[in-house]
Amino acid sequence: MAKRVRQVSAAQRARTGAGTDWRTRLAAGARTVLLRSRVPGGRRTVLAAGAVIAAVAVTVTWYLLSRGDSEQRLPDTRARHYTDVDACLLTGKDGITAGTTAAEVWQGMQDASLTTHARVSYVPVTGEQSAANARPYLNGLLQRSCDVVVAAGKPEATAAGQAAPQYRKVGFVLVGGQAGSTADGKGGTKNPANVTVAHTGDGLRAEVARVVEREVNARD
């Protein structure tokens, strides 16, 4: 990317220099015509000089306008195009403060966004840190059509685990909590298919990035 920027800058300088030399030559030609028009030679010389000056003015104006139009049409190479998939993070009251588990989870989500171009966002739960209080915030994410919900924190993960069976099309990633279990028909229990539990500790960022990337690709 750096090499491309240097090449574009060099090309722009070349065009600027070329444009400057072109205008300099036109200005020199205009001065020459003006000097010649002062030499006694009759009315034709004056009229010819006026015509040349007018032509030079029109040409310079056209050049500047066309150059401005071309610059406006240059695409913004820094613009980033996102896919129509949203991955949303639900955190505790501290949000993604540096040093918290949620901060590491957020870094993993950003890593997944670089790979998948999914949009990522986060919402902290304020007030009482309980599953009951986290549920309205979770509902807000679901109403925003978040395709992947990552819950960091025990209350947030508990609320997300309870909601997961009702939102089968949404992928849930629970960090620091447990999924709600359902009967497997064999006398045991199992986690819902749309729920993944990520364990805190070493490698959390990489694990979150991997899981979120998988869930985003499954819904892209």
C-alpha atoms as a PDB file:
ATOM      1  CA  MET A   1       0.000   0.000   0.000  1.00  0.00           C
ATOM      2  CA  ALA A   2       2.873   2.376   0.864  1.00  0.00           C
ATOM      3  CA  LYS A   3       4.497   1.763  -2.533  1.00  0.00           C
ATOM      4  CA  ARG A   4       1.234   2.564  -4.327  1.00  0.00           C
ATOM      5  CA  VAL A   5       0.880   5.837  -2.421  1.00  0.00           C
ATOM      6  CA  ARG A   6       4.411   6.880  -3.385  1.00  0.00           C
ATOM      7  CA  GLN A   7       3.732   6.056  -7.016  1.00  0.00           C
ATOM      8  CA  VAL A   8       0.518   8.067  -7.034  1.00  0.00           C
ATOM      9  CA  SER A   9       2.278  11.013  -5.384  1.00  0.00           C
ATOM     10  CA  ALA A  10       5.029  10.914  -7.987  1.00  0.00           C
ATOM     11  CA  ALA A  11       2.479  10.825 -10.790  1.00  0.00           C
ATOM     12  CA  GLN A  12       0.646  13.759  -9.290  1.00  0.00           C
ATOM     13  CA  ARG A  13       3.887  15.763  -9.082  1.00  0.00           C
ATOM     14  CA  ALA A  14       4.620  14.913 -12.684  1.00  0.00           C
ATOM     15  CA  ARG A  15       1.165  16.077 -13.773  1.00  0.00           C
ATOM     16  CA  THR A  16       1.517  19.248 -11.690  1.00  0.00           C
ATOM     17  CA  GLY A  17       4.903  19.978 -13.210  1.00  0.00           C
ATOM     18  CA  ALA A  18       3.591  19.287 -16.694  1.00  0.00           C
ATOM     19  CA  GLY A  19       0.654  21.593 -16.090  1.00  0.00           C
ATOM     20  CA  THR A  20       2.969  24.343 -14.796  1.00  0.00           C
ATOM     21  CA  ASP A  21       5.290  24.091 -17.822  1.00  0.00           C
ATOM     22  CA  TRP A  22       2.274  24.178 -20.153  1.00  0.00           C
ATOM     23  CA  ARG A  23       0.862  27.314 -18.552  1.00  0.00           C
ATOM     24  CA  THR A  24       4.322  28.940 -18.493  1.00  0.00           C
ATOM     25  CA  ARG A  25       4.691  28.406 -22.238  1.00  0.00           C
ATOM     26  CA  LEU A  26       1.230  29.836 -22.862  1.00  0.00           C
ATOM     27  CA  ALA A  27       2.017  32.895 -20.746  1.00  0.00           C
ATOM     28  CA  ALA A  28       5.299  33.428 -22.617  1.00  0.00           C
ATOM     29  CA  GLY A  29       3.470  33.182 -25.930  1.00  0.00           C
ATOM     30  CA  ALA A  30       0.901  35.722 -24.770  1.00  0.00           C
ATOM     31  CA  ARG A  31       3.620  38.187 -23.740  1.00  0.00           C
ATOM     32  CA  THR A  32       5.299  37.787 -27.097  1.00  0.00           C
ATOM     33  CA  VAL A  33       2.046  38.566 -28.887  1.00  0.00           C
ATOM     34  CA  LEU A  34       1.498  41.625 -26.712  1.00  0.00           C
ATOM     35  CA  LEU A  35       4.987  42.951 -27.437  1.00  0.00           C
ATOM     36  CA  ARG A  36       4.495  42.439 -31.153  1.00  0.00           C
ATOM     37  CA  SER A  37       1.166  44.201 -31.047  1.00  0.00           C
ATOM     38  CA  ARG A  38       2.956  47.381 -29.907  1.00  0.00           C
ATOM     39  CA  VAL A  39       5.052  47.502 -33.055  1.00  0.00           C
ATOM     40  CA  PRO A  40       3.426  49.741 -35.681  1.00  0.00           C
ATOM     41  CA  GLY A  41       1.888  47.407 -38.163  1.00  0.00           C
ATOM     42  CA  GLY A  42      -1.701  48.410 -38.480  1.00  0.00           C
ATOM     43  CA  ARG A  43      -4.994  47.358 -37.088  1.00  0.00           C
ATOM     44  CA  ARG A  44      -4.696  43.734 -38.228  1.00  0.00           C
ATOM     45  CA  THR A  45      -1.812  43.051 -35.846  1.00  0.00           C
ATOM     46  CA  VAL A  46      -3.779  44.386 -32.859  1.00  0.00           C
ATOM     47  CA  LEU A  47      -6.855  42.339 -33.776  1.00  0.00           C
ATOM     48  CA  ALA A  48      -4.754  39.211 -34.222  1.00  0.00           C
ATOM     49  CA  ALA A  49      -3.132  39.757 -30.847  1.00  0.00           C
ATOM     50  CA  GLY A  50      -6.528  40.109 -29.203  1.00  0.00           C
ATOM     51  CA  ALA A  51      -7.753  36.911 -30.814  1.00  0.00           C
ATOM     52  CA  VAL A  52      -4.706  34.959 -29.612  1.00  0.00           C
ATOM     53  CA  ILE A  53      -5.061  36.274 -26.054  1.00  0.00           C
ATOM     54  CA  ALA A  54      -8.731  35.303 -25.981  1.00  0.00           C
ATOM     55  CA  ALA A  55      -7.898  31.810 -27.247  1.00  0.00           C
ATOM     56  CA  VAL A  56      -5.217  31.417 -24.570  1.00  0.00           C
ATOM     57  CA  ALA A  57      -7.672  32.459 -21.826  1.00  0.00           C
ATOM     58  CA  VAL A  58     -10.302  29.989 -23.004  1.00  0.00           C
ATOM     59  CA  THR A  59      -7.767  27.159 -23.204  1.00  0.00           C
ATOM     60  CA  VAL A  60      -6.388  27.815 -19.714  1.00  0.00           C
ATOM     61  CA  THR A  61      -9.919  27.928 -18.260  1.00  0.00           C
ATOM     62  CA  TRP A  62     -10.861  24.634 -19.937  1.00  0.00           C
ATOM     63  CA  TYR A  63      -7.671  22.972 -18.667  1.00  0.00           C
ATOM     64  CA  LEU A  64      -8.241  24.048 -15.061  1.00  0.00           C
ATOM     65  CA  LEU A  65     -11.895  22.973 -15.078  1.00  0.00           C
ATOM     66  CA  SER A  66     -11.196  19.583 -16.645  1.00  0.00           C
ATOM     67  CA  ARG A  67      -8.346  19.003 -14.188  1.00  0.00           C
ATOM     68  CA  GLY A  68     -10.619  19.758 -11.254  1.00  0.00           C
ATOM     69  CA  ASP A  69     -13.292  17.372 -12.545  1.00  0.00           C
ATOM     70  CA  SER A  70     -10.800  14.556 -12.948  1.00  0.00           C
ATOM     71  CA  GLU A  71      -9.518  15.055  -9.393  1.00  0.00           C
ATOM     72  CA  GLN A  72     -13.052  14.892  -7.990  1.00  0.00           C
ATOM     73  CA  ARG A  73     -13.636  11.572  -9.700  1.00  0.00           C
ATOM     74  CA  LEU A  74     -10.542   9.953  -8.184  1.00  0.00           C
ATOM     75  CA  PRO A  75     -11.699   7.061  -5.952  1.00  0.00           C
ATOM     76  CA  ASP A  76     -10.814   7.131  -2.268  1.00  0.00           C
ATOM     77  CA  THR A  77      -8.425   4.207  -1.925  1.00  0.00           C
ATOM     78  CA  ARG A  78      -8.751   4.415   1.851  1.00  0.00           C
ATOM     79  CA  ALA A  79     -12.489   3.636   1.780  1.00  0.00           C
ATOM     80  CA  ARG A  80     -13.287   0.251   3.225  1.00  0.00           C
ATOM     81  CA  HIS A  81     -16.180  -1.839   1.953  1.00  0.00           C
ATOM     82  CA  TYR A  82     -18.032  -3.932   4.515  1.00  0.00           C
ATOM     83  CA  THR A  83     -20.172  -6.996   4.010  1.00  0.00           C
ATOM     84  CA  ASP A  84     -23.786  -6.927   5.139  1.00  0.00           C
ATOM     85  CA  VAL A  85     -23.025  -8.864   8.328  1.00  0.00           C
ATOM     86  CA  ASP A  86     -22.870  -7.385  11.836  1.00  0.00           C
ATOM     87  CA  ALA A  87     -20.977  -8.844  14.774  1.00  0.00           C
ATOM     88  CA  CYS A  88     -21.920  -7.171  18.067  1.00  0.00           C
ATOM     89  CA  LEU A  89     -20.220  -7.336  21.451  1.00  0.00           C
ATOM     90  CA  LEU A  90     -22.097  -7.073  24.746  1.00  0.00           C
ATOM     91  CA  THR A  91     -19.827  -6.131  27.661  1.00  0.00           C
ATOM     92  CA  GLY A  92     -19.999  -5.174  31.313  1.00  0.00           C
ATOM     93  CA  LYS A  93     -20.037  -1.587  32.548  1.00  0.00           C
ATOM     94  CA  ASP A  94     -16.302  -1.107  31.873  1.00  0.00           C
ATOM     95  CA  GLY A  95     -16.787  -1.631  28.131  1.00  0.00           C
ATOM     96  CA  ILE A  96     -13.551  -2.376  26.308  1.00  0.00           C
ATOM     97  CA  THR A  97     -11.248  -0.671  28.804  1.00  0.00           C
ATOM     98  CA  ALA A  98      -7.622  -1.725  28.295  1.00  0.00           C
ATOM     99  CA  GLY A  99      -6.643  -4.697  30.418  1.00  0.00           C
ATOM    100  CA  THR A 100     -10.139  -6.167  30.629  1.00  0.00           C
ATOM    101  CA  THR A 101     -11.304  -9.439  29.125  1.00  0.00           C
ATOM    102  CA  ALA A 102     -13.709  -7.502  26.911  1.00  0.00           C
ATOM    103  CA  ALA A 103     -10.796  -5.511  25.464  1.00  0.00           C
ATOM    104  CA  GLU A 104      -9.099  -8.728  24.365  1.00  0.00           C
ATOM    105  CA  VAL A 105     -12.373 -10.013  22.946  1.00  0.00           C
ATOM    106  CA  TRP A 106     -12.822  -6.756  21.033  1.00  0.00           C
ATOM    107  CA  GLN A 107      -9.342  -7.116  19.532  1.00  0.00           C
ATOM    108  CA  GLY A 108     -10.257 -10.596  18.352  1.00  0.00           C
ATOM    109  CA  MET A 109     -13.440  -9.276  16.755  1.00  0.00           C
ATOM    110  CA  GLN A 110     -11.470  -6.575  14.960  1.00  0.00           C
ATOM    111  CA  ASP A 111      -9.086  -9.246  13.664  1.00  0.00           C
ATOM    112  CA  ALA A 112     -12.068 -11.173  12.302  1.00  0.00           C
ATOM    113  CA  SER A 113     -13.435  -7.991  10.728  1.00  0.00           C
ATOM    114  CA  LEU A 114     -10.186  -7.448   8.822  1.00  0.00           C
ATOM    115  CA  THR A 115     -10.548 -10.919   7.328  1.00  0.00           C
ATOM    116  CA  THR A 116     -14.298 -11.019   6.693  1.00  0.00           C
ATOM    117  CA  HIS A 117     -15.077  -7.291   6.322  1.00  0.00           C
ATOM    118  CA  ALA A 118     -17.961  -7.728   8.748  1.00  0.00           C
ATOM    119  CA  ARG A 119     -19.033  -4.674  10.715  1.00  0.00           C
ATOM    120  CA  VAL A 120     -18.240  -4.849  14.440  1.00  0.00           C
ATOM    121  CA  SER A 121     -19.643  -2.800  17.329  1.00  0.00           C
ATOM    122  CA  TYR A 122     -20.027  -3.059  21.093  1.00  0.00           C
ATOM    123  CA  VAL A 123     -22.508  -2.012  23.792  1.00  0.00           C
ATOM    124  CA  PRO A 124     -21.740  -1.909  27.550  1.00  0.00           C
ATOM    125  CA  VAL A 125     -24.332  -2.882  30.152  1.00  0.00           C
ATOM    126  CA  THR A 126     -24.679  -0.050  32.666  1.00  0.00           C
ATOM    127  CA  GLY A 127     -26.266  -0.191  36.084  1.00  0.00           C
ATOM    128  CA  GLU A 128     -26.761  -3.481  37.905  1.00  0.00           C
ATOM    129  CA  GLN A 129     -24.474  -6.192  36.599  1.00  0.00           C
ATOM    130  CA  SER A 130     -26.958  -9.041  36.378  1.00  0.00           C
ATOM    131  CA  ALA A 131     -28.390 -11.246  33.658  1.00  0.00           C
ATOM    132  CA  ALA A 132     -31.795  -9.641  34.130  1.00  0.00           C
ATOM    133  CA  ASN A 133     -30.384  -6.156  33.570  1.00  0.00           C
ATOM    134  CA  ALA A 134     -28.247  -7.330  30.650  1.00  0.00           C
ATOM    135  CA  ARG A 135     -31.242  -8.763  28.809  1.00  0.00           C
ATOM    136  CA  PRO A 136     -32.681  -5.410  27.582  1.00  0.00           C
ATOM    137  CA  TYR A 137     -29.276  -4.472  26.163  1.00  0.00           C
ATOM    138  CA  LEU A 138     -29.074  -7.860  24.472  1.00  0.00           C
ATOM    139  CA  ASN A 139     -32.569  -7.386  23.047  1.00  0.00           C
ATOM    140  CA  GLY A 140     -31.425  -4.071  21.599  1.00  0.00           C
ATOM    141  CA  LEU A 141     -28.614  -5.828  19.719  1.00  0.00           C
ATOM    142  CA  LEU A 142     -30.988  -8.465  18.407  1.00  0.00           C
ATOM    143  CA  GLN A 143     -33.443  -5.809  17.248  1.00  0.00           C
ATOM    144  CA  ARG A 144     -30.566  -4.146  15.390  1.00  0.00           C
ATOM    145  CA  SER A 145     -30.270  -7.397  13.414  1.00  0.00           C
ATOM    146  CA  CYS A 146     -26.868  -8.384  14.760  1.00  0.00           C
ATOM    147  CA  ASP A 147     -25.928 -11.614  12.983  1.00  0.00           C
ATOM    148  CA  VAL A 148     -23.308 -12.637  15.544  1.00  0.00           C
ATOM    149  CA  VAL A 149     -23.531 -11.691  19.228  1.00  0.00           C
ATOM    150  CA  VAL A 150     -20.466 -11.991  21.441  1.00  0.00           C
ATOM    151  CA  ALA A 151     -21.140 -11.722  25.184  1.00  0.00           C
ATOM    152  CA  ALA A 152     -18.150 -10.979  27.435  1.00  0.00           C
ATOM    153  CA  GLY A 153     -18.807 -11.319  31.164  1.00  0.00           C
ATOM    154  CA  LYS A 154     -20.820 -13.755  33.259  1.00  0.00           C
ATOM    155  CA  PRO A 155     -24.112 -11.770  33.414  1.00  0.00           C
ATOM    156  CA  GLU A 156     -23.925 -10.957  29.702  1.00  0.00           C
ATOM    157  CA  ALA A 157     -23.063 -14.534  28.734  1.00  0.00           C
ATOM    158  CA  THR A 158     -25.884 -15.865  30.904  1.00  0.00           C
ATOM    159  CA  ALA A 159     -28.425 -13.572  29.258  1.00  0.00           C
ATOM    160  CA  ALA A 160     -27.154 -14.477  25.786  1.00  0.00           C
ATOM    161  CA  GLY A 161     -27.228 -18.205  26.572  1.00  0.00           C
ATOM    162  CA  GLN A 162     -30.838 -17.959  27.706  1.00  0.00           C
ATOM    163  CA  ALA A 163     -31.851 -16.080  24.536  1.00  0.00           C
ATOM    164  CA  ALA A 164     -29.960 -18.293  22.073  1.00  0.00           C
ATOM    165  CA  PRO A 165     -32.634 -21.010  21.645  1.00  0.00           C
ATOM    166  CA  GLN A 166     -35.131 -18.341  20.592  1.00  0.00           C
ATOM    167  CA  TYR A 167     -32.807 -16.871  17.927  1.00  0.00           C
ATOM    168  CA  ARG A 168     -31.534 -19.833  15.944  1.00  0.00           C
ATOM    169  CA  LYS A 169     -30.355 -17.699  13.016  1.00  0.00           C
ATOM    170  CA  VAL A 170     -28.004 -15.697  15.243  1.00  0.00           C
ATOM    171  CA  GLY A 171     -24.603 -17.021  16.215  1.00  0.00           C
ATOM    172  CA  PHE A 172     -23.788 -16.548  19.911  1.00  0.00           C
ATOM    173  CA  VAL A 173     -20.276 -16.549  21.333  1.00  0.00           C
ATOM    174  CA  LEU A 174     -20.198 -16.687  25.130  1.00  0.00           C
ATOM    175  CA  VAL A 175     -17.042 -15.562  26.927  1.00  0.00           C
ATOM    176  CA  GLY A 176     -16.824 -16.213  30.669  1.00  0.00           C
ATOM    177  CA  GLY A 177     -20.128 -18.032  30.949  1.00  0.00           C
ATOM    178  CA  GLN A 178     -21.967 -21.183  30.034  1.00  0.00           C
ATOM    179  CA  ALA A 179     -24.546 -21.910  27.403  1.00  0.00           C
ATOM    180  CA  GLY A 180     -28.060 -22.933  28.302  1.00  0.00           C
ATOM    181  CA  SER A 181     -28.292 -26.698  27.853  1.00  0.00           C
ATOM    182  CA  THR A 182     -31.133 -28.544  26.190  1.00  0.00           C
ATOM    183  CA  ALA A 183     -32.133 -32.210  26.296  1.00  0.00           C
ATOM    184  CA  ASP A 184     -30.395 -34.291  23.628  1.00  0.00           C
ATOM    185  CA  GLY A 185     -33.110 -37.000  23.535  1.00  0.00           C
ATOM    186  CA  LYS A 186     -30.766 -39.566  25.064  1.00  0.00           C
ATOM    187  CA  GLY A 187     -31.121 -38.623  28.672  1.00  0.00           C
ATOM    188  CA  GLY A 188     -28.341 -36.045  28.467  1.00  0.00           C
ATOM    189  CA  THR A 189     -27.996 -32.393  27.568  1.00  0.00           C
ATOM    190  CA  LYS A 190     -26.228 -30.419  24.862  1.00  0.00           C
ATOM    191  CA  ASN A 191     -25.590 -26.816  23.957  1.00  0.00           C
ATOM    192  CA  PRO A 192     -27.698 -25.194  21.226  1.00  0.00           C
ATOM    193  CA  ALA A 193     -26.105 -25.479  17.793  1.00  0.00           C
ATOM    194  CA  ASN A 194     -25.857 -21.693  17.444  1.00  0.00           C
ATOM    195  CA  VAL A 195     -23.838 -21.251  20.664  1.00  0.00           C
ATOM    196  CA  THR A 196     -20.053 -21.394  21.064  1.00  0.00           C
ATOM    197  CA  VAL A 197     -18.343 -21.045  24.433  1.00  0.00           C
ATOM    198  CA  ALA A 198     -14.943 -19.283  24.447  1.00  0.00           C
ATOM    199  CA  HIS A 199     -12.815 -19.801  27.543  1.00  0.00           C
ATOM    200  CA  THR A 200     -10.862 -16.940  29.058  1.00  0.00           C
ATOM    201  CA  GLY A 201      -7.097 -17.160  29.406  1.00  0.00           C
ATOM    202  CA  ASP A 202      -4.167 -17.365  27.016  1.00  0.00           C
ATOM    203  CA  GLY A 203      -5.110 -17.309  23.348  1.00  0.00           C
ATOM    204  CA  LEU A 204      -8.531 -15.722  23.918  1.00  0.00           C
ATOM    205  CA  ARG A 205      -8.018 -13.103  21.228  1.00  0.00           C
ATOM    206  CA  ALA A 206      -7.104 -15.692  18.597  1.00  0.00           C
ATOM    207  CA  GLU A 207      -9.963 -17.978  19.647  1.00  0.00           C
ATOM    208  CA  VAL A 208     -12.522 -15.164  19.406  1.00  0.00           C
ATOM    209  CA  ALA A 209     -11.175 -14.130  16.009  1.00  0.00           C
ATOM    210  CA  ARG A 210     -11.449 -17.708  14.734  1.00  0.00           C
ATOM    211  CA  VAL A 211     -14.956 -18.293  16.088  1.00  0.00           C
ATOM    212  CA  VAL A 212     -16.327 -14.927  14.918  1.00  0.00           C
ATOM    213  CA  GLU A 213     -14.804 -15.424  11.463  1.00  0.00           C
ATOM    214  CA  ARG A 214     -16.480 -18.823  11.229  1.00  0.00           C
ATOM    215  CA  GLU A 215     -19.845 -17.501  12.364  1.00  0.00           C
ATOM    216  CA  VAL A 216     -19.689 -14.507   9.993  1.00  0.00           C
ATOM    217  CA  ASN A 217     -18.805 -16.698   7.019  1.00  0.00           C
ATOM    218  CA  ALA A 218     -21.698 -19.012   7.870  1.00  0.00           C
ATOM    219  CA  ARG A 219     -24.090 -16.068   7.569  1.00  0.00           C
ATOM    220  CA  ASP A 220     -22.493 -14.109   4.703  1.00  0.00           C
END
